[in-house]
Amino acid sequence: MIMWLGFILAGYSVVGNDSIQTLGTFLSSNENRPWYVLWFFAGSILTITMVYGWYNYGGDVSYDRLAKYPLPDPFAWYYILPPLVLMALTRTGIPVSTSFLILTFFSEKNMMDMIEKSVLGYIVAFGASIVVYILIASTIEKRFIESESTPEERRIWMPLLLLSTGFLWSQWLIQDFANIFVYLPRSLSGANLAVSLSILLLLLGYIFYSKGGSIQNIVKSKTNTVDIRSATIVNAVYGLVLYYFKELNNVPMSTTWVFIGLLAGREIAIRIRLEKKISKTIARMVLSDLGKVFFGLVVSILLVFIIKFLAK
């Protein structure tokens, strides 16, 4: 019972906090479409990714990312505290890393590996987005900013957006399934697979119905993320970065750091190419977002040890 309660709380926390980093541009650029149409698309990708991992990894939907995180025995009540804390922090709009808060609670000895990979993720995403947008900002992206997409362009770009979003969403799920399924046995039965999948689809539906919640504001504050063409490029770059780290090793990482690094690099590159400078406002925005993820890291680590101390 505690395991399933922990799974539901973790699922709500992770989907509510982290999934918007992946689906945020998709939501922003499709605000006029019914929420259930967008949910059906994202839910289909989730189902395929989850069933594929379950089938190919002997029932382990985390794609072997929980190999160093054994299921606690006994499973004490206080293991449900991290997702409860995460739910509270999510309401503030702070992009706290679920990987650090939840997985570190299960095994703090693997914390440094996660931090190193997450910091590297920020650096790689930051650098990759700067290179890409330095190349396209003054031509392609400038055109996107200055003119709205025509109906003809939308017919071309919508399939591309669906492809890039589907690719990105699947890569994110492969990384973040570990944060949710850490509460369940490492090898799921067919019945447990069906039950857990149904729960996640319901939670995902709620997120789409509520249009992303407070974390979505980080996406909307960035330049032209509501444009279907810009959203396609953002998703493609983000997906490729996550794919690289998926292939690198099976150490869990914070996708939050990759997401923030990507948006920061994009914003800086666009301003350099279009305004020939980095304004104080943009510098504050980038530093503010970076400060939030560092704050989230510190809070996550402190909470892990505080909760463990109080539980004992």
C-alpha atoms as a PDB file:
ATOM      1  CA  MET A   1       0.000   0.000   0.000  1.00  0.00           C
ATOM      2  CA  ILE A   2       2.800   2.431   0.898  1.00  0.00           C
ATOM      3  CA  MET A   3       4.601   1.595  -2.338  1.00  0.00           C
ATOM      4  CA  TRP A   4       1.574   2.473  -4.463  1.00  0.00           C
ATOM      5  CA  LEU A   5       0.860   5.626  -2.475  1.00  0.00           C
ATOM      6  CA  GLY A   6       4.471   6.689  -2.987  1.00  0.00           C
ATOM      7  CA  PHE A   7       4.178   5.899  -6.706  1.00  0.00           C
ATOM      8  CA  ILE A   8       1.030   8.005  -7.089  1.00  0.00           C
ATOM      9  CA  LEU A   9       2.504  10.959  -5.187  1.00  0.00           C
ATOM     10  CA  ALA A  10       5.788  10.719  -7.107  1.00  0.00           C
ATOM     11  CA  GLY A  11       3.900  10.399 -10.382  1.00  0.00           C
ATOM     12  CA  TYR A  12       1.858  13.514  -9.678  1.00  0.00           C
ATOM     13  CA  SER A  13       4.937  15.446  -8.537  1.00  0.00           C
ATOM     14  CA  VAL A  14       7.129  14.418 -11.471  1.00  0.00           C
ATOM     15  CA  VAL A  15       4.451  14.864 -14.128  1.00  0.00           C
ATOM     16  CA  GLY A  16       3.343  18.172 -12.615  1.00  0.00           C
ATOM     17  CA  ASN A  17       6.841  19.586 -12.174  1.00  0.00           C
ATOM     18  CA  ASP A  18       9.069  18.037 -14.835  1.00  0.00           C
ATOM     19  CA  SER A  19       6.900  17.123 -17.801  1.00  0.00           C
ATOM     20  CA  ILE A  20       6.168  20.776 -18.587  1.00  0.00           C
ATOM     21  CA  GLN A  21       9.868  21.243 -19.301  1.00  0.00           C
ATOM     22  CA  THR A  22       9.329  18.827 -22.173  1.00  0.00           C
ATOM     23  CA  LEU A  23       5.757  19.583 -23.220  1.00  0.00           C
ATOM     24  CA  GLY A  24       5.757  23.301 -22.376  1.00  0.00           C
ATOM     25  CA  THR A  25       6.558  24.598 -25.861  1.00  0.00           C
ATOM     26  CA  PHE A  26       4.100  22.076 -27.319  1.00  0.00           C
ATOM     27  CA  LEU A  27       1.369  23.408 -25.017  1.00  0.00           C
ATOM     28  CA  SER A  28       2.254  27.054 -25.687  1.00  0.00           C
ATOM     29  CA  SER A  29       2.196  26.654 -29.464  1.00  0.00           C
ATOM     30  CA  ASN A  30      -1.104  24.720 -29.409  1.00  0.00           C
ATOM     31  CA  GLU A  31      -3.091  26.715 -26.859  1.00  0.00           C
ATOM     32  CA  ASN A  32      -6.122  26.874 -29.147  1.00  0.00           C
ATOM     33  CA  ARG A  33      -6.445  23.110 -29.495  1.00  0.00           C
ATOM     34  CA  PRO A  34      -8.610  21.046 -27.113  1.00  0.00           C
ATOM     35  CA  TRP A  35      -6.606  19.727 -24.184  1.00  0.00           C
ATOM     36  CA  TYR A  36      -7.742  16.148 -24.721  1.00  0.00           C
ATOM     37  CA  VAL A  37      -6.339  16.078 -28.269  1.00  0.00           C
ATOM     38  CA  LEU A  38      -2.902  17.070 -26.956  1.00  0.00           C
ATOM     39  CA  TRP A  39      -3.277  14.586 -24.078  1.00  0.00           C
ATOM     40  CA  PHE A  40      -4.068  11.744 -26.475  1.00  0.00           C
ATOM     41  CA  PHE A  41      -0.888  12.441 -28.453  1.00  0.00           C
ATOM     42  CA  ALA A  42       1.364  12.668 -25.371  1.00  0.00           C
ATOM     43  CA  GLY A  43      -0.353   9.694 -23.741  1.00  0.00           C
ATOM     44  CA  SER A  44       0.252   7.527 -26.799  1.00  0.00           C
ATOM     45  CA  ILE A  45       3.987   8.301 -26.702  1.00  0.00           C
ATOM     46  CA  LEU A  46       4.062   7.583 -22.966  1.00  0.00           C
ATOM     47  CA  THR A  47       2.358   4.225 -23.474  1.00  0.00           C
ATOM     48  CA  ILE A  48       4.696   3.148 -26.275  1.00  0.00           C
ATOM     49  CA  THR A  49       7.833   4.213 -24.376  1.00  0.00           C
ATOM     50  CA  MET A  50       6.747   2.519 -21.157  1.00  0.00           C
ATOM     51  CA  VAL A  51       5.675  -0.778 -22.770  1.00  0.00           C
ATOM     52  CA  TYR A  52       8.845  -0.886 -24.878  1.00  0.00           C
ATOM     53  CA  GLY A  53      11.055  -0.478 -21.789  1.00  0.00           C
ATOM     54  CA  TRP A  54       9.035  -3.075 -19.870  1.00  0.00           C
ATOM     55  CA  TYR A  55       9.356  -5.606 -22.709  1.00  0.00           C
ATOM     56  CA  ASN A  56      13.051  -5.062 -23.463  1.00  0.00           C
ATOM     57  CA  TYR A  57      14.387  -4.684 -19.917  1.00  0.00           C
ATOM     58  CA  GLY A  58      12.716  -7.630 -18.236  1.00  0.00           C
ATOM     59  CA  GLY A  59       9.881  -5.675 -16.690  1.00  0.00           C
ATOM     60  CA  ASP A  60      12.037  -2.655 -15.748  1.00  0.00           C
ATOM     61  CA  VAL A  61      10.353   0.411 -17.243  1.00  0.00           C
ATOM     62  CA  SER A  62      13.156   2.659 -15.957  1.00  0.00           C
ATOM     63  CA  TYR A  63      15.446   1.369 -18.733  1.00  0.00           C
ATOM     64  CA  ASP A  64      17.870  -0.002 -16.126  1.00  0.00           C
ATOM     65  CA  ARG A  65      18.340   3.401 -14.446  1.00  0.00           C
ATOM     66  CA  LEU A  66      17.364   1.966 -11.065  1.00  0.00           C
ATOM     67  CA  ALA A  67      20.079  -0.700 -11.075  1.00  0.00           C
ATOM     68  CA  LYS A  68      21.867   1.048  -8.178  1.00  0.00           C
ATOM     69  CA  TYR A  69      18.655   1.855  -6.293  1.00  0.00           C
ATOM     70  CA  PRO A  70      17.363  -1.325  -4.608  1.00  0.00           C
ATOM     71  CA  LEU A  71      13.825  -1.355  -3.263  1.00  0.00           C
ATOM     72  CA  PRO A  72      13.913  -0.648   0.515  1.00  0.00           C
ATOM     73  CA  ASP A  73      13.151  -3.524   2.837  1.00  0.00           C
ATOM     74  CA  PRO A  74      11.120  -2.743   4.851  1.00  0.00           C
ATOM     75  CA  PHE A  75       9.362   0.019   2.910  1.00  0.00           C
ATOM     76  CA  ALA A  76       8.832   2.567   5.714  1.00  0.00           C
ATOM     77  CA  TRP A  77       6.133   5.238   5.704  1.00  0.00           C
ATOM     78  CA  TYR A  78       8.609   8.119   5.543  1.00  0.00           C
ATOM     79  CA  TYR A  79       9.561   7.239   1.957  1.00  0.00           C
ATOM     80  CA  ILE A  80       6.423   9.060   0.852  1.00  0.00           C
ATOM     81  CA  LEU A  81       7.679  12.349   2.315  1.00  0.00           C
ATOM     82  CA  PRO A  82       9.950  13.445  -0.595  1.00  0.00           C
ATOM     83  CA  PRO A  83       7.123  13.575  -3.191  1.00  0.00           C
ATOM     84  CA  LEU A  84       4.912  15.406  -0.669  1.00  0.00           C
ATOM     85  CA  VAL A  85       7.620  18.048  -0.237  1.00  0.00           C
ATOM     86  CA  LEU A  86       8.052  18.188  -4.005  1.00  0.00           C
ATOM     87  CA  MET A  87       4.333  18.783  -4.483  1.00  0.00           C
ATOM     88  CA  ALA A  88       4.505  21.737  -2.106  1.00  0.00           C
ATOM     89  CA  LEU A  89       7.525  23.231  -3.867  1.00  0.00           C
ATOM     90  CA  THR A  90       5.957  22.720  -7.301  1.00  0.00           C
ATOM     91  CA  ARG A  91       3.120  25.075  -6.378  1.00  0.00           C
ATOM     92  CA  THR A  92       5.664  27.870  -5.946  1.00  0.00           C
ATOM     93  CA  GLY A  93       6.851  27.498  -9.549  1.00  0.00           C
ATOM     94  CA  ILE A  94      10.420  26.654  -8.490  1.00  0.00           C
ATOM     95  CA  PRO A  95      11.934  24.076 -10.896  1.00  0.00           C
ATOM     96  CA  VAL A  96      13.158  21.646  -8.220  1.00  0.00           C
ATOM     97  CA  SER A  97      14.880  18.518  -9.507  1.00  0.00           C
ATOM     98  CA  THR A  98      12.857  15.424  -8.753  1.00  0.00           C
ATOM     99  CA  SER A  99      15.940  13.281  -9.386  1.00  0.00           C
ATOM    100  CA  PHE A 100      17.857  14.859  -6.527  1.00  0.00           C
ATOM    101  CA  LEU A 101      14.937  14.992  -4.116  1.00  0.00           C
ATOM    102  CA  ILE A 102      13.492  11.517  -4.645  1.00  0.00           C
ATOM    103  CA  LEU A 103      16.348   9.304  -5.854  1.00  0.00           C
ATOM    104  CA  THR A 104      18.874  10.704  -3.369  1.00  0.00           C
ATOM    105  CA  PHE A 105      16.459   9.809  -0.570  1.00  0.00           C
ATOM    106  CA  PHE A 106      16.596   6.186  -1.691  1.00  0.00           C
ATOM    107  CA  SER A 107      20.396   6.115  -2.064  1.00  0.00           C
ATOM    108  CA  GLU A 108      22.478   9.157  -1.149  1.00  0.00           C
ATOM    109  CA  LYS A 109      25.739   7.428  -2.113  1.00  0.00           C
ATOM    110  CA  ASN A 110      24.854   7.893  -5.806  1.00  0.00           C
ATOM    111  CA  MET A 111      24.210  11.631  -5.373  1.00  0.00           C
ATOM    112  CA  MET A 112      27.568  12.837  -6.713  1.00  0.00           C
ATOM    113  CA  ASP A 113      27.203  10.843  -9.920  1.00  0.00           C
ATOM    114  CA  MET A 114      23.828  12.495 -10.503  1.00  0.00           C
ATOM    115  CA  ILE A 115      25.168  15.969  -9.762  1.00  0.00           C
ATOM    116  CA  GLU A 116      28.134  15.546 -12.121  1.00  0.00           C
ATOM    117  CA  LYS A 117      25.934  14.292 -14.956  1.00  0.00           C
ATOM    118  CA  SER A 118      23.338  17.021 -14.373  1.00  0.00           C
ATOM    119  CA  VAL A 119      25.906  19.831 -14.357  1.00  0.00           C
ATOM    120  CA  LEU A 120      27.393  18.387 -17.541  1.00  0.00           C
ATOM    121  CA  GLY A 121      23.855  18.299 -18.951  1.00  0.00           C
ATOM    122  CA  TYR A 122      23.415  22.020 -18.238  1.00  0.00           C
ATOM    123  CA  ILE A 123      26.751  22.852 -19.878  1.00  0.00           C
ATOM    124  CA  VAL A 124      26.112  20.720 -22.971  1.00  0.00           C
ATOM    125  CA  ALA A 125      22.572  22.060 -23.431  1.00  0.00           C
ATOM    126  CA  PHE A 126      23.726  25.653 -22.875  1.00  0.00           C
ATOM    127  CA  GLY A 127      26.561  25.295 -25.382  1.00  0.00           C
ATOM    128  CA  ALA A 128      24.527  23.409 -27.972  1.00  0.00           C
ATOM    129  CA  SER A 129      21.692  25.952 -27.950  1.00  0.00           C
ATOM    130  CA  ILE A 130      24.121  28.879 -28.229  1.00  0.00           C
ATOM    131  CA  VAL A 131      25.770  27.295 -31.287  1.00  0.00           C
ATOM    132  CA  VAL A 132      22.436  26.461 -32.944  1.00  0.00           C
ATOM    133  CA  TYR A 133      20.850  29.855 -32.320  1.00  0.00           C
ATOM    134  CA  ILE A 134      23.938  31.866 -33.204  1.00  0.00           C
ATOM    135  CA  LEU A 135      23.643  30.195 -36.598  1.00  0.00           C
ATOM    136  CA  ILE A 136      19.894  30.660 -37.100  1.00  0.00           C
ATOM    137  CA  ALA A 137      18.866  33.636 -34.925  1.00  0.00           C
ATOM    138  CA  SER A 138      19.508  36.430 -37.444  1.00  0.00           C
ATOM    139  CA  THR A 139      17.853  34.572 -40.315  1.00  0.00           C
ATOM    140  CA  ILE A 140      15.378  31.829 -39.465  1.00  0.00           C
ATOM    141  CA  GLU A 141      14.467  32.808 -35.887  1.00  0.00           C
ATOM    142  CA  LYS A 142      14.302  36.512 -36.781  1.00  0.00           C
ATOM    143  CA  ARG A 143      11.734  35.709 -39.432  1.00  0.00           C
ATOM    144  CA  PHE A 144       9.723  33.651 -36.941  1.00  0.00           C
ATOM    145  CA  ILE A 145       9.692  36.548 -34.464  1.00  0.00           C
ATOM    146  CA  GLU A 146       8.718  39.201 -37.009  1.00  0.00           C
ATOM    147  CA  SER A 147       5.962  37.301 -38.828  1.00  0.00           C
ATOM    148  CA  GLU A 148       3.266  34.888 -37.685  1.00  0.00           C
ATOM    149  CA  SER A 149       3.055  31.511 -39.363  1.00  0.00           C
ATOM    150  CA  THR A 150       0.623  31.299 -42.262  1.00  0.00           C
ATOM    151  CA  PRO A 151      -1.934  28.480 -42.598  1.00  0.00           C
ATOM    152  CA  GLU A 152       0.265  26.953 -45.300  1.00  0.00           C
ATOM    153  CA  GLU A 153       3.316  27.056 -43.027  1.00  0.00           C
ATOM    154  CA  ARG A 154       1.375  25.520 -40.160  1.00  0.00           C
ATOM    155  CA  ARG A 155       0.445  22.573 -42.350  1.00  0.00           C
ATOM    156  CA  ILE A 156       4.154  21.990 -42.914  1.00  0.00           C
ATOM    157  CA  TRP A 157       5.388  22.716 -39.400  1.00  0.00           C
ATOM    158  CA  MET A 158       2.718  20.887 -37.424  1.00  0.00           C
ATOM    159  CA  PRO A 159       3.927  17.397 -38.460  1.00  0.00           C
ATOM    160  CA  LEU A 160       7.494  18.518 -37.686  1.00  0.00           C
ATOM    161  CA  LEU A 161       6.392  19.755 -34.254  1.00  0.00           C
ATOM    162  CA  LEU A 162       4.681  16.437 -33.559  1.00  0.00           C
ATOM    163  CA  LEU A 163       7.817  14.520 -34.564  1.00  0.00           C
ATOM    164  CA  SER A 164      10.181  16.675 -32.483  1.00  0.00           C
ATOM    165  CA  THR A 165       7.823  16.670 -29.484  1.00  0.00           C
ATOM    166  CA  GLY A 166       7.289  12.919 -29.686  1.00  0.00           C
ATOM    167  CA  PHE A 167      11.044  12.312 -29.859  1.00  0.00           C
ATOM    168  CA  LEU A 168      11.783  14.696 -26.986  1.00  0.00           C
ATOM    169  CA  TRP A 169       8.928  13.349 -24.825  1.00  0.00           C
ATOM    170  CA  SER A 170      10.154   9.767 -25.231  1.00  0.00           C
ATOM    171  CA  GLN A 171      13.738  10.704 -24.308  1.00  0.00           C
ATOM    172  CA  TRP A 172      12.541  12.614 -21.255  1.00  0.00           C
ATOM    173  CA  LEU A 173      10.385   9.706 -20.131  1.00  0.00           C
ATOM    174  CA  ILE A 174      13.325   7.307 -20.388  1.00  0.00           C
ATOM    175  CA  GLN A 175      15.250   9.588 -18.008  1.00  0.00           C
ATOM    176  CA  ASP A 176      12.454  10.405 -15.564  1.00  0.00           C
ATOM    177  CA  PHE A 177      10.641   7.080 -15.278  1.00  0.00           C
ATOM    178  CA  ALA A 178      13.267   6.273 -12.644  1.00  0.00           C
ATOM    179  CA  ASN A 179      11.963   9.064 -10.386  1.00  0.00           C
ATOM    180  CA  ILE A 180       8.477   7.553 -10.404  1.00  0.00           C
ATOM    181  CA  PHE A 181       9.053   3.799 -10.540  1.00  0.00           C
ATOM    182  CA  VAL A 182      11.643   3.862  -7.761  1.00  0.00           C
ATOM    183  CA  TYR A 183       8.609   3.158  -5.532  1.00  0.00           C
ATOM    184  CA  LEU A 184       7.643  -0.077  -7.298  1.00  0.00           C
ATOM    185  CA  PRO A 185       9.405  -3.447  -7.794  1.00  0.00           C
ATOM    186  CA  ARG A 186      12.219  -3.260 -10.338  1.00  0.00           C
ATOM    187  CA  SER A 187      10.492  -5.892 -12.473  1.00  0.00           C
ATOM    188  CA  LEU A 188       6.771  -5.238 -12.941  1.00  0.00           C
ATOM    189  CA  SER A 189       4.158  -7.845 -13.662  1.00  0.00           C
ATOM    190  CA  GLY A 190       1.749  -7.285 -16.534  1.00  0.00           C
ATOM    191  CA  ALA A 191      -1.005  -6.293 -14.088  1.00  0.00           C
ATOM    192  CA  ASN A 192       1.229  -3.772 -12.303  1.00  0.00           C
ATOM    193  CA  LEU A 193       2.252  -2.364 -15.666  1.00  0.00           C
ATOM    194  CA  ALA A 194      -1.376  -1.816 -16.638  1.00  0.00           C
ATOM    195  CA  VAL A 195      -2.300  -0.208 -13.302  1.00  0.00           C
ATOM    196  CA  SER A 196       0.732   2.114 -13.199  1.00  0.00           C
ATOM    197  CA  LEU A 197       0.248   3.132 -16.836  1.00  0.00           C
ATOM    198  CA  SER A 198      -3.408   3.995 -16.193  1.00  0.00           C
ATOM    199  CA  ILE A 199      -2.438   6.153 -13.200  1.00  0.00           C
ATOM    200  CA  LEU A 200       0.178   8.086 -15.179  1.00  0.00           C
ATOM    201  CA  LEU A 201      -2.228   8.682 -18.069  1.00  0.00           C
ATOM    202  CA  LEU A 202      -4.805  10.132 -15.655  1.00  0.00           C
ATOM    203  CA  LEU A 203      -2.191  12.392 -14.062  1.00  0.00           C
ATOM    204  CA  LEU A 204      -0.997  13.524 -17.486  1.00  0.00           C
ATOM    205  CA  GLY A 205      -4.572  14.320 -18.459  1.00  0.00           C
ATOM    206  CA  TYR A 206      -4.929  16.574 -15.434  1.00  0.00           C
ATOM    207  CA  ILE A 207      -1.753  18.478 -16.377  1.00  0.00           C
ATOM    208  CA  PHE A 208      -3.043  19.108 -19.894  1.00  0.00           C
ATOM    209  CA  TYR A 209      -6.452  20.112 -18.544  1.00  0.00           C
ATOM    210  CA  SER A 210      -4.799  22.675 -16.220  1.00  0.00           C
ATOM    211  CA  LYS A 211      -2.623  23.947 -19.109  1.00  0.00           C
ATOM    212  CA  GLY A 212       0.679  23.170 -17.463  1.00  0.00           C
ATOM    213  CA  GLY A 213       0.416  24.881 -14.108  1.00  0.00           C
ATOM    214  CA  SER A 214       2.922  27.350 -12.672  1.00  0.00           C
ATOM    215  CA  ILE A 215       6.100  25.815 -14.186  1.00  0.00           C
ATOM    216  CA  GLN A 216       4.686  26.689 -17.630  1.00  0.00           C
ATOM    217  CA  ASN A 217       5.393  30.359 -16.847  1.00  0.00           C
ATOM    218  CA  ILE A 218       9.134  29.730 -17.269  1.00  0.00           C
ATOM    219  CA  VAL A 219       8.534  28.591 -20.838  1.00  0.00           C
ATOM    220  CA  LYS A 220       6.180  31.454 -21.685  1.00  0.00           C
ATOM    221  CA  SER A 221       8.664  34.060 -20.407  1.00  0.00           C
ATOM    222  CA  LYS A 222      11.169  33.144 -23.131  1.00  0.00           C
ATOM    223  CA  THR A 223      11.323  34.686 -26.595  1.00  0.00           C
ATOM    224  CA  ASN A 224       8.714  33.443 -29.083  1.00  0.00           C
ATOM    225  CA  THR A 225       8.152  29.985 -27.559  1.00  0.00           C
ATOM    226  CA  VAL A 226       4.470  30.111 -28.579  1.00  0.00           C
ATOM    227  CA  ASP A 227       5.434  30.011 -32.265  1.00  0.00           C
ATOM    228  CA  ILE A 228       4.977  26.522 -33.714  1.00  0.00           C
ATOM    229  CA  ARG A 229       8.184  26.836 -35.771  1.00  0.00           C
ATOM    230  CA  SER A 230      10.341  27.989 -32.869  1.00  0.00           C
ATOM    231  CA  ALA A 231       8.866  25.320 -30.610  1.00  0.00           C
ATOM    232  CA  THR A 232       9.810  22.644 -33.145  1.00  0.00           C
ATOM    233  CA  ILE A 233      13.465  23.676 -33.126  1.00  0.00           C
ATOM    234  CA  VAL A 234      13.622  23.966 -29.315  1.00  0.00           C
ATOM    235  CA  ASN A 235      12.190  20.470 -28.917  1.00  0.00           C
ATOM    236  CA  ALA A 236      14.534  18.975 -31.502  1.00  0.00           C
ATOM    237  CA  VAL A 237      17.653  20.395 -29.821  1.00  0.00           C
ATOM    238  CA  TYR A 238      16.450  19.383 -26.340  1.00  0.00           C
ATOM    239  CA  GLY A 239      15.608  15.877 -27.522  1.00  0.00           C
ATOM    240  CA  LEU A 240      19.030  15.371 -29.107  1.00  0.00           C
ATOM    241  CA  VAL A 241      20.795  16.478 -25.922  1.00  0.00           C
ATOM    242  CA  LEU A 242      18.741  14.027 -23.826  1.00  0.00           C
ATOM    243  CA  TYR A 243      19.371  11.271 -26.362  1.00  0.00           C
ATOM    244  CA  TYR A 244      23.117  11.861 -26.007  1.00  0.00           C
ATOM    245  CA  PHE A 245      22.936  11.461 -22.236  1.00  0.00           C
ATOM    246  CA  LYS A 246      20.659   8.417 -22.544  1.00  0.00           C
ATOM    247  CA  GLU A 247      23.347   6.711 -24.612  1.00  0.00           C
ATOM    248  CA  LEU A 248      26.193   7.962 -22.395  1.00  0.00           C
ATOM    249  CA  ASN A 249      25.328   5.796 -19.366  1.00  0.00           C
ATOM    250  CA  ASN A 250      22.392   4.713 -17.197  1.00  0.00           C
ATOM    251  CA  VAL A 251      23.085   7.136 -14.325  1.00  0.00           C
ATOM    252  CA  PRO A 252      19.905   9.147 -13.582  1.00  0.00           C
ATOM    253  CA  MET A 253      20.166  12.893 -14.144  1.00  0.00           C
ATOM    254  CA  SER A 254      18.184  16.065 -13.644  1.00  0.00           C
ATOM    255  CA  THR A 255      16.375  16.942 -16.866  1.00  0.00           C
ATOM    256  CA  THR A 256      15.521  20.248 -15.161  1.00  0.00           C
ATOM    257  CA  TRP A 257      19.143  21.337 -15.487  1.00  0.00           C
ATOM    258  CA  VAL A 258      19.241  20.430 -19.182  1.00  0.00           C
ATOM    259  CA  PHE A 259      16.012  22.329 -19.781  1.00  0.00           C
ATOM    260  CA  ILE A 260      17.175  25.496 -18.024  1.00  0.00           C
ATOM    261  CA  GLY A 261      20.563  25.358 -19.782  1.00  0.00           C
ATOM    262  CA  LEU A 262      18.901  25.024 -23.172  1.00  0.00           C
ATOM    263  CA  LEU A 263      16.567  27.995 -22.694  1.00  0.00           C
ATOM    264  CA  ALA A 264      19.386  30.135 -21.267  1.00  0.00           C
ATOM    265  CA  GLY A 265      21.696  29.475 -24.218  1.00  0.00           C
ATOM    266  CA  ARG A 266      18.879  30.131 -26.679  1.00  0.00           C
ATOM    267  CA  GLU A 267      17.923  33.431 -25.060  1.00  0.00           C
ATOM    268  CA  ILE A 268      21.517  34.690 -24.973  1.00  0.00           C
ATOM    269  CA  ALA A 269      22.234  33.720 -28.584  1.00  0.00           C
ATOM    270  CA  ILE A 270      19.069  35.382 -29.892  1.00  0.00           C
ATOM    271  CA  ARG A 271      19.845  38.608 -28.053  1.00  0.00           C
ATOM    272  CA  ILE A 272      23.447  38.652 -29.259  1.00  0.00           C
ATOM    273  CA  ARG A 273      22.454  38.164 -32.891  1.00  0.00           C
ATOM    274  CA  LEU A 274      19.415  40.446 -32.955  1.00  0.00           C
ATOM    275  CA  GLU A 275      20.349  43.160 -30.449  1.00  0.00           C
ATOM    276  CA  LYS A 276      24.151  42.790 -30.575  1.00  0.00           C
ATOM    277  CA  LYS A 277      24.236  42.794 -26.774  1.00  0.00           C
ATOM    278  CA  ILE A 278      23.003  41.025 -23.658  1.00  0.00           C
ATOM    279  CA  SER A 279      20.677  43.335 -21.729  1.00  0.00           C
ATOM    280  CA  LYS A 280      20.537  43.441 -17.958  1.00  0.00           C
ATOM    281  CA  THR A 281      17.004  42.054 -18.111  1.00  0.00           C
ATOM    282  CA  ILE A 282      18.107  38.950 -20.012  1.00  0.00           C
ATOM    283  CA  ALA A 283      21.142  38.500 -17.779  1.00  0.00           C
ATOM    284  CA  ARG A 284      18.896  38.663 -14.700  1.00  0.00           C
ATOM    285  CA  MET A 285      16.457  36.185 -16.255  1.00  0.00           C
ATOM    286  CA  VAL A 286      19.209  33.669 -17.032  1.00  0.00           C
ATOM    287  CA  LEU A 287      20.829  34.074 -13.629  1.00  0.00           C
ATOM    288  CA  SER A 288      17.436  33.853 -11.936  1.00  0.00           C
ATOM    289  CA  ASP A 289      16.627  30.538 -13.646  1.00  0.00           C
ATOM    290  CA  LEU A 290      20.089  29.183 -12.841  1.00  0.00           C
ATOM    291  CA  GLY A 291      19.705  30.344  -9.257  1.00  0.00           C
ATOM    292  CA  LYS A 292      16.398  28.499  -8.998  1.00  0.00           C
ATOM    293  CA  VAL A 293      17.887  25.162 -10.046  1.00  0.00           C
ATOM    294  CA  PHE A 294      20.827  25.631  -7.653  1.00  0.00           C
ATOM    295  CA  PHE A 295      18.385  26.546  -4.918  1.00  0.00           C
ATOM    296  CA  GLY A 296      16.370  23.464  -5.810  1.00  0.00           C
ATOM    297  CA  LEU A 297      19.518  21.323  -5.575  1.00  0.00           C
ATOM    298  CA  VAL A 298      20.440  22.681  -2.149  1.00  0.00           C
ATOM    299  CA  VAL A 299      16.875  22.350  -0.871  1.00  0.00           C
ATOM    300  CA  SER A 300      16.616  18.812  -2.240  1.00  0.00           C
ATOM    301  CA  ILE A 301      19.811  17.636  -0.569  1.00  0.00           C
ATOM    302  CA  LEU A 302      18.997  19.334   2.750  1.00  0.00           C
ATOM    303  CA  LEU A 303      15.495  17.902   2.779  1.00  0.00           C
ATOM    304  CA  VAL A 304      16.770  14.402   2.126  1.00  0.00           C
ATOM    305  CA  PHE A 305      18.982  14.449   5.188  1.00  0.00           C
ATOM    306  CA  ILE A 306      16.459  16.319   7.362  1.00  0.00           C
ATOM    307  CA  ILE A 307      13.685  13.849   6.530  1.00  0.00           C
ATOM    308  CA  LYS A 308      15.979  10.893   7.142  1.00  0.00           C
ATOM    309  CA  PHE A 309      17.078  12.353  10.464  1.00  0.00           C
ATOM    310  CA  LEU A 310      13.503  13.003  11.622  1.00  0.00           C
ATOM    311  CA  ALA A 311      12.343   9.595  10.424  1.00  0.00           C
ATOM    312  CA  LYS A 312      14.953   7.871  12.549  1.00  0.00           C
END
